[in-house]
Amino acid sequence: MIKYSFIIPAYNEEAALPLFYEYAMPVFERLDGEFEVIFVDDGSRDGTRAVIEKLCAADRRVKGVSLSRNFGQQSALLCGLRYAAGQAVVTMDADLQDPPEVALEMVEKWKEGYDVVHARHKKRAKETVFKRLSAALYYRFLKKTTGLDLPLDCGDFKLLGRKAADAVLSLHEHARLLRAEVVWLGFRQTVVEFDRPERAAGKTKYTLKKMMRLAQGGIVPNSRKPLNFPLKAGMVLGVGALAGFIALGVLTALGIGYGGLTAWLFPALALAATILSLNTGLQNLYIAEIYEEVKGRPHFVVQETYNLDERRDGSEARPVPPDEERTE
């Protein structure tokens, strides 16, 4: 019986996967039970899929899933969760920036009774100032806007007990950010800290565009606060306009020159146009999320699996649409 599952999403990680396998497997062998490593190829354009096939052929403990195209890291993680058979499931990166030894510490916390164990970065090796600053601001902004008690500086390197993993799979929304969902679900949670090393190979696949999409995917589905912004801005603008008219009336009564109405017209119109544009933009973001939800498409489409003929419940391995009830 498999006790531990390790889910490794991979996008164009041809160079990193063999290094991960060589380094991580001896570490995982120190665990007190059977384990599996599930590589999820998220539509890579290099030789990632071939590497996964080779590793699976050489070691039955290694499982693989190849998606039909690039669906994104969150979908790849969700795919791995659907196939994971372990009582404890660890999600981590393929580039060894999530040290396997830390996973052992997380397992010890799970044995103490915690259902969710987050891994927090204390330091980030050889990352740009922009990357460190943007990550720090993002975590804090996400916590502020969602109202969730999110542990700061914690990404998707975490352990989920079986109950927590099943609870994540029971959620039906299309837009997913697992690091926020596991906090929303509750359960008993704790944190372990580690120093994040540099990548073992290759370059990060997270472009600025992808980071912005991840940020949007975390904030819009998990918070209504942005929708309150136009109302608050309108109230401030209304108070400012009223104060301006009062000031103009007083100046006129006193016969003091103030440059005429045109001196106020352009900035007032510019401010009003800005508020209207922000209001429309925010509404469109939420409408777009609703549009994605009502389509009801699956989070991912599996093209091929390796050493994974069945799902955990024994049914045919296939993607599950967001609105389909699970039978586990």
Protein backbone atom coordinates (compact mmCIF):
# COMPACT_ATOMS: atom_id res chain seq x y z
CA MET A 1 0.00 0.00 0.00
CA ILE A 2 1.38 3.38 -1.00
CA LYS A 3 1.81 5.69 1.98
CA TYR A 4 3.47 8.72 0.38
CA SER A 5 2.87 10.41 -2.96
CA PHE A 6 5.12 13.11 -4.42
CA ILE A 7 3.61 15.21 -7.21
CA ILE A 8 6.09 16.94 -9.53
CA PRO A 9 4.65 19.19 -12.25
CA ALA A 10 7.09 19.72 -15.10
CA TYR A 11 7.11 22.12 -18.03
CA ASN A 12 10.21 22.00 -20.24
CA GLU A 13 12.27 20.39 -17.47
CA GLU A 14 14.19 17.91 -19.62
CA ALA A 15 17.50 18.75 -17.93
CA ALA A 16 16.16 18.92 -14.37
CA LEU A 17 14.15 15.69 -14.12
CA PRO A 18 17.10 13.22 -14.21
CA LEU A 19 18.85 15.30 -11.55
CA PHE A 20 15.72 15.31 -9.42
CA TYR A 21 15.37 11.55 -9.73
CA GLU A 22 19.00 10.83 -8.86
CA TYR A 23 18.95 13.14 -5.85
CA ALA A 24 15.44 12.69 -4.49
CA MET A 25 14.88 8.94 -4.70
CA PRO A 26 17.56 8.03 -2.10
CA VAL A 27 16.04 10.66 0.19
CA PHE A 28 12.52 9.30 -0.22
CA GLU A 29 13.81 5.77 0.43
CA ARG A 30 14.45 6.85 4.02
CA LEU A 31 10.70 7.04 4.60
CA ASP A 32 8.90 4.38 6.65
CA GLY A 33 6.58 3.22 3.89
CA GLU A 34 6.03 2.74 0.18
CA PHE A 35 6.08 5.87 -1.95
CA GLU A 36 5.38 6.96 -5.49
CA VAL A 37 6.68 9.88 -7.52
CA ILE A 38 4.19 11.27 -10.04
CA PHE A 39 5.65 13.46 -12.77
CA VAL A 40 3.04 15.52 -14.61
CA ASP A 41 4.24 16.74 -18.01
CA ASP A 42 2.31 19.95 -18.55
CA GLY A 43 2.51 20.00 -22.35
CA SER A 44 6.29 20.46 -22.54
CA ARG A 45 7.89 21.34 -25.85
CA ASP A 46 11.28 19.79 -25.13
CA GLY A 47 12.17 16.20 -24.22
CA THR A 48 10.45 16.19 -20.82
CA ARG A 49 7.93 13.57 -21.87
CA ALA A 50 10.63 11.22 -23.15
CA VAL A 51 12.57 11.58 -19.91
CA ILE A 52 9.47 10.70 -17.88
CA GLU A 53 8.83 7.63 -20.07
CA LYS A 54 12.42 6.49 -19.51
CA LEU A 55 12.26 6.96 -15.74
CA CYS A 56 8.94 5.14 -15.54
CA ALA A 57 10.27 2.23 -17.56
CA ALA A 58 13.26 1.88 -15.26
CA ASP A 59 11.47 2.30 -11.90
CA ARG A 60 7.88 1.25 -11.13
CA ARG A 61 7.80 3.68 -8.22
CA VAL A 62 7.85 6.48 -10.77
CA LYS A 63 4.50 7.32 -12.38
CA GLY A 64 3.86 9.74 -15.21
CA VAL A 65 1.02 11.74 -16.72
CA SER A 66 1.33 13.61 -20.00
CA LEU A 67 -1.22 16.36 -20.62
CA SER A 68 -2.43 17.16 -24.12
CA ARG A 69 -1.15 20.75 -23.90
CA ASN A 70 0.10 23.31 -21.42
CA PHE A 71 -2.72 23.88 -18.91
CA GLY A 72 -0.65 25.64 -16.25
CA GLN A 73 0.97 24.64 -12.98
CA GLN A 74 -2.22 24.64 -10.91
CA SER A 75 -3.96 22.28 -13.32
CA ALA A 76 -0.90 20.02 -13.37
CA LEU A 77 -0.91 19.89 -9.57
CA LEU A 78 -4.63 19.09 -9.55
CA CYS A 79 -4.02 16.31 -12.07
CA GLY A 80 -1.36 14.83 -9.81
CA LEU A 81 -3.71 14.99 -6.83
CA ARG A 82 -6.36 13.03 -8.75
CA TYR A 83 -3.90 10.22 -9.37
CA ALA A 84 -2.07 10.24 -6.01
CA ALA A 85 -2.70 7.14 -3.90
CA GLY A 86 -0.71 8.09 -0.80
CA GLN A 87 -2.07 8.91 2.63
CA ALA A 88 0.27 11.91 2.60
CA VAL A 89 0.73 13.88 -0.62
CA VAL A 90 3.61 16.29 -1.19
CA THR A 91 3.58 18.80 -4.06
CA MET A 92 6.96 20.19 -5.08
CA ASP A 93 8.97 21.63 -7.99
CA ALA A 94 11.13 19.59 -10.35
CA ASP A 95 14.17 21.88 -10.22
CA LEU A 96 15.28 20.90 -6.67
CA GLN A 97 14.53 24.37 -5.34
CA ASP A 98 12.15 22.49 -3.06
CA PRO A 99 14.70 20.29 -1.22
CA PRO A 100 13.57 16.66 -0.77
CA GLU A 101 15.01 16.66 2.76
CA VAL A 102 12.44 19.28 3.72
CA ALA A 103 9.72 16.87 2.58
CA LEU A 104 10.93 14.47 5.29
CA GLU A 105 10.49 17.23 7.89
CA MET A 106 6.97 17.80 6.57
CA VAL A 107 6.20 14.09 6.95
CA GLU A 108 7.25 14.25 10.60
CA LYS A 109 4.82 17.13 11.16
CA TRP A 110 2.09 15.09 9.47
CA LYS A 111 2.78 12.22 11.84
CA GLU A 112 2.28 14.67 14.71
CA GLY A 113 -1.30 15.15 13.53
CA TYR A 114 -1.16 18.07 11.10
CA ASP A 115 -3.30 17.72 7.97
CA VAL A 116 -1.48 20.45 6.01
CA VAL A 117 2.20 21.37 6.23
CA HIS A 118 3.43 24.46 4.38
CA ALA A 119 7.09 25.04 3.47
CA ARG A 120 8.19 28.66 3.93
CA HIS A 121 11.15 30.27 2.16
CA LYS A 122 13.55 31.93 4.57
CA LYS A 123 16.06 32.84 1.85
CA ARG A 124 16.06 32.66 -1.96
CA ALA A 125 19.42 31.86 -3.53
CA LYS A 126 20.51 33.84 -6.59
CA GLU A 127 17.13 35.38 -7.36
CA THR A 128 16.79 38.91 -8.66
CA VAL A 129 15.71 41.76 -6.44
CA PHE A 130 12.59 42.11 -8.59
CA LYS A 131 11.70 38.44 -8.09
CA ARG A 132 12.16 38.57 -4.32
CA LEU A 133 10.32 41.87 -3.97
CA SER A 134 7.42 40.93 -6.25
CA ALA A 135 6.99 37.57 -4.47
CA ALA A 136 6.97 39.20 -1.03
CA LEU A 137 4.45 41.84 -2.14
CA TYR A 138 2.25 39.24 -3.83
CA TYR A 139 1.96 37.01 -0.75
CA ARG A 140 1.09 39.97 1.45
CA PHE A 141 -1.37 41.47 -1.03
CA LEU A 142 -3.06 38.09 -1.50
CA LYS A 143 -3.44 37.68 2.25
CA LYS A 144 -4.85 41.19 2.60
CA THR A 145 -7.37 40.96 -0.23
CA THR A 146 -8.64 37.43 0.40
CA GLY A 147 -8.91 37.76 4.15
CA LEU A 148 -7.44 34.25 4.48
CA ASP A 149 -4.80 33.53 7.10
CA LEU A 150 -2.28 32.62 4.43
CA PRO A 151 1.20 31.75 5.71
CA LEU A 152 3.55 34.31 4.15
CA ASP A 153 6.25 33.28 1.66
CA CYS A 154 4.78 29.81 1.15
CA GLY A 155 4.30 28.57 -2.41
CA ASP A 156 3.04 25.21 -3.63
CA PHE A 157 5.66 23.16 -1.75
CA LYS A 158 3.41 21.58 0.85
CA LEU A 159 2.11 18.32 2.29
CA LEU A 160 -1.56 17.39 2.32
CA GLY A 161 -2.97 14.56 4.37
CA ARG A 162 -5.50 12.33 2.64
CA LYS A 163 -8.50 14.19 4.07
CA ALA A 164 -7.09 17.55 2.98
CA ALA A 165 -6.22 16.24 -0.50
CA ASP A 166 -9.72 14.82 -0.96
CA ALA A 167 -11.23 18.10 0.24
CA VAL A 168 -9.24 20.01 -2.40
CA LEU A 169 -10.49 17.62 -5.07
CA SER A 170 -14.08 18.14 -3.92
CA LEU A 171 -13.97 21.84 -4.83
CA HIS A 172 -15.70 22.58 -8.14
CA GLU A 173 -14.50 26.02 -9.21
CA HIS A 174 -12.52 26.33 -12.41
CA ALA A 175 -10.03 28.98 -11.32
CA ARG A 176 -7.69 27.28 -8.85
CA LEU A 177 -4.96 28.45 -6.53
CA LEU A 178 -4.14 25.51 -4.29
CA ARG A 179 -2.14 27.53 -1.78
CA ALA A 180 -5.26 29.58 -1.02
CA GLU A 181 -7.72 26.67 -1.17
CA VAL A 182 -5.95 24.56 1.44
CA VAL A 183 -6.04 27.48 3.86
CA TRP A 184 -9.73 28.16 3.17
CA LEU A 185 -10.55 24.50 3.87
CA GLY A 186 -9.22 24.75 7.39
CA PHE A 187 -7.79 21.57 8.94
CA ARG A 188 -4.86 21.60 11.31
CA GLN A 189 -1.95 23.38 9.63
CA THR A 190 1.65 24.22 10.40
CA VAL A 191 4.79 25.54 8.71
CA VAL A 192 8.38 24.35 8.27
CA GLU A 193 11.06 26.77 7.10
CA PHE A 194 13.92 26.26 4.67
CA ASP A 195 16.46 28.14 2.57
CA ARG A 196 15.50 27.94 -1.10
CA PRO A 197 18.54 26.96 -3.21
CA GLU A 198 19.15 27.88 -6.84
CA ARG A 199 17.76 25.79 -9.66
CA ALA A 200 19.52 22.51 -10.38
CA ALA A 201 19.27 23.08 -14.13
CA GLY A 202 17.60 25.28 -16.71
CA LYS A 203 15.80 28.57 -16.25
CA THR A 204 12.55 29.44 -14.54
CA LYS A 205 9.49 29.00 -16.74
CA TYR A 206 7.51 31.63 -14.84
CA THR A 207 7.42 34.68 -17.08
CA LEU A 208 6.02 37.99 -15.88
CA LYS A 209 2.82 37.23 -17.80
CA LYS A 210 2.40 33.89 -16.02
CA MET A 211 3.08 35.49 -12.64
CA MET A 212 0.42 38.12 -13.34
CA ARG A 213 -2.04 35.41 -14.35
CA LEU A 214 -1.25 33.48 -11.15
CA ALA A 215 -1.81 36.63 -9.10
CA GLN A 216 -5.16 37.26 -10.81
CA GLY A 217 -6.14 33.62 -10.35
CA GLY A 218 -5.49 33.92 -6.64
CA ILE A 219 -7.22 37.22 -5.96
CA VAL A 220 -10.32 37.32 -8.20
CA PRO A 221 -11.81 33.91 -7.32
CA ASN A 222 -11.01 34.26 -3.61
CA SER A 223 -11.99 37.84 -2.84
CA ARG A 224 -14.82 40.30 -3.48
CA LYS A 225 -12.82 43.22 -2.13
CA PRO A 226 -11.70 44.51 -5.56
CA LEU A 227 -15.38 44.95 -6.46
CA ASN A 228 -15.72 47.33 -3.53
CA PHE A 229 -12.96 49.59 -4.86
CA PRO A 230 -15.11 51.58 -7.34
CA LEU A 231 -17.69 52.27 -4.61
CA LYS A 232 -15.07 53.52 -2.20
CA ALA A 233 -13.30 55.53 -4.91
CA GLY A 234 -16.63 57.04 -5.96
CA MET A 235 -17.35 58.08 -2.38
CA VAL A 236 -13.93 59.72 -2.06
CA LEU A 237 -14.39 61.42 -5.45
CA GLY A 238 -17.85 62.66 -4.41
CA VAL A 239 -16.54 64.12 -1.16
CA GLY A 240 -13.67 65.73 -3.06
CA ALA A 241 -16.05 67.22 -5.63
CA LEU A 242 -18.33 68.59 -2.93
CA ALA A 243 -15.36 70.13 -1.14
CA GLY A 244 -14.18 71.62 -4.43
CA PHE A 245 -17.53 73.22 -5.16
CA ILE A 246 -17.67 74.66 -1.64
CA ALA A 247 -14.16 76.05 -2.05
CA LEU A 248 -15.06 77.57 -5.42
CA GLY A 249 -18.17 79.17 -3.92
CA VAL A 250 -16.20 80.67 -1.05
CA LEU A 251 -13.48 82.00 -3.38
CA THR A 252 -16.11 83.51 -5.68
CA ALA A 253 -17.89 85.16 -2.77
CA LEU A 254 -14.60 86.64 -1.55
CA GLY A 255 -13.71 87.85 -5.04
CA ILE A 256 -10.46 85.85 -5.07
CA GLY A 257 -9.20 84.68 -8.49
CA TYR A 258 -8.76 80.94 -8.86
CA GLY A 259 -8.07 80.48 -12.58
CA GLY A 260 -11.65 79.87 -13.64
CA LEU A 261 -13.64 76.68 -13.99
CA THR A 262 -11.37 75.33 -16.73
CA ALA A 263 -8.53 75.02 -14.19
CA TRP A 264 -10.56 72.30 -12.45
CA LEU A 265 -12.21 70.72 -15.44
CA PHE A 266 -9.40 68.60 -16.88
CA PRO A 267 -8.12 66.95 -13.66
CA ALA A 268 -11.70 66.31 -12.55
CA LEU A 269 -12.59 64.64 -15.85
CA ALA A 270 -9.33 62.65 -15.85
CA LEU A 271 -9.99 61.38 -12.34
CA ALA A 272 -13.58 60.45 -13.20
CA ALA A 273 -12.46 58.62 -16.35
CA THR A 274 -9.85 56.70 -14.36
CA ILE A 275 -12.43 55.57 -11.81
CA LEU A 276 -14.83 54.47 -14.56
CA SER A 277 -12.09 52.56 -16.40
CA LEU A 278 -11.01 50.76 -13.24
CA ASN A 279 -14.60 49.92 -12.46
CA THR A 280 -15.19 48.48 -15.94
CA GLY A 281 -11.89 46.56 -15.87
CA LEU A 282 -12.59 44.96 -12.50
CA GLN A 283 -16.10 43.98 -13.53
CA ASN A 284 -14.75 42.42 -16.72
CA LEU A 285 -12.28 40.32 -14.71
CA TYR A 286 -15.09 38.86 -12.64
CA ILE A 287 -17.31 38.38 -15.68
CA ALA A 288 -14.46 36.51 -17.37
CA GLU A 289 -14.13 34.22 -14.35
CA ILE A 290 -17.88 33.56 -14.40
CA TYR A 291 -17.64 32.78 -18.13
CA GLU A 292 -14.91 30.21 -17.48
CA GLU A 293 -16.93 28.65 -14.68
CA VAL A 294 -20.16 28.21 -16.65
CA LYS A 295 -18.38 26.51 -19.55
CA GLY A 296 -17.65 23.62 -17.21
CA ARG A 297 -14.60 22.39 -19.11
CA PRO A 298 -12.15 20.04 -17.36
CA HIS A 299 -9.09 21.51 -15.73
CA PHE A 300 -6.83 19.32 -17.86
CA VAL A 301 -6.90 16.67 -20.57
CA VAL A 302 -4.70 13.60 -20.19
CA GLN A 303 -2.95 12.38 -23.30
CA GLU A 304 -1.08 9.43 -21.83
CA THR A 305 -0.15 7.85 -18.51
CA TYR A 306 2.81 5.71 -17.47
CA ASN A 307 2.63 3.13 -14.66
CA LEU A 308 -0.83 4.56 -13.92
CA ASP A 309 -3.53 2.32 -15.35
CA GLU A 310 -6.18 3.14 -12.80
CA ARG A 311 -7.19 5.93 -10.49
CA ARG A 312 -7.14 5.49 -6.74
CA ASP A 313 -10.78 4.33 -6.69
CA GLY A 314 -10.14 1.73 -9.40
CA SER A 315 -12.04 3.53 -12.14
CA GLU A 316 -10.64 4.46 -15.51
CA ALA A 317 -7.96 7.14 -15.33
CA ARG A 318 -9.40 10.27 -16.88
CA PRO A 319 -9.82 13.98 -16.11
CA VAL A 320 -12.85 14.97 -14.06
CA PRO A 321 -14.81 18.10 -15.02
CA PRO A 322 -15.18 20.69 -12.26
CA ASP A 323 -18.88 20.02 -11.76
CA GLU A 324 -18.67 16.24 -11.69
CA GLU A 325 -19.14 14.66 -8.30
CA ARG A 326 -16.30 12.46 -7.06
CA THR A 327 -17.09 8.92 -6.06
CA GLU A 328 -14.10 8.27 -3.83
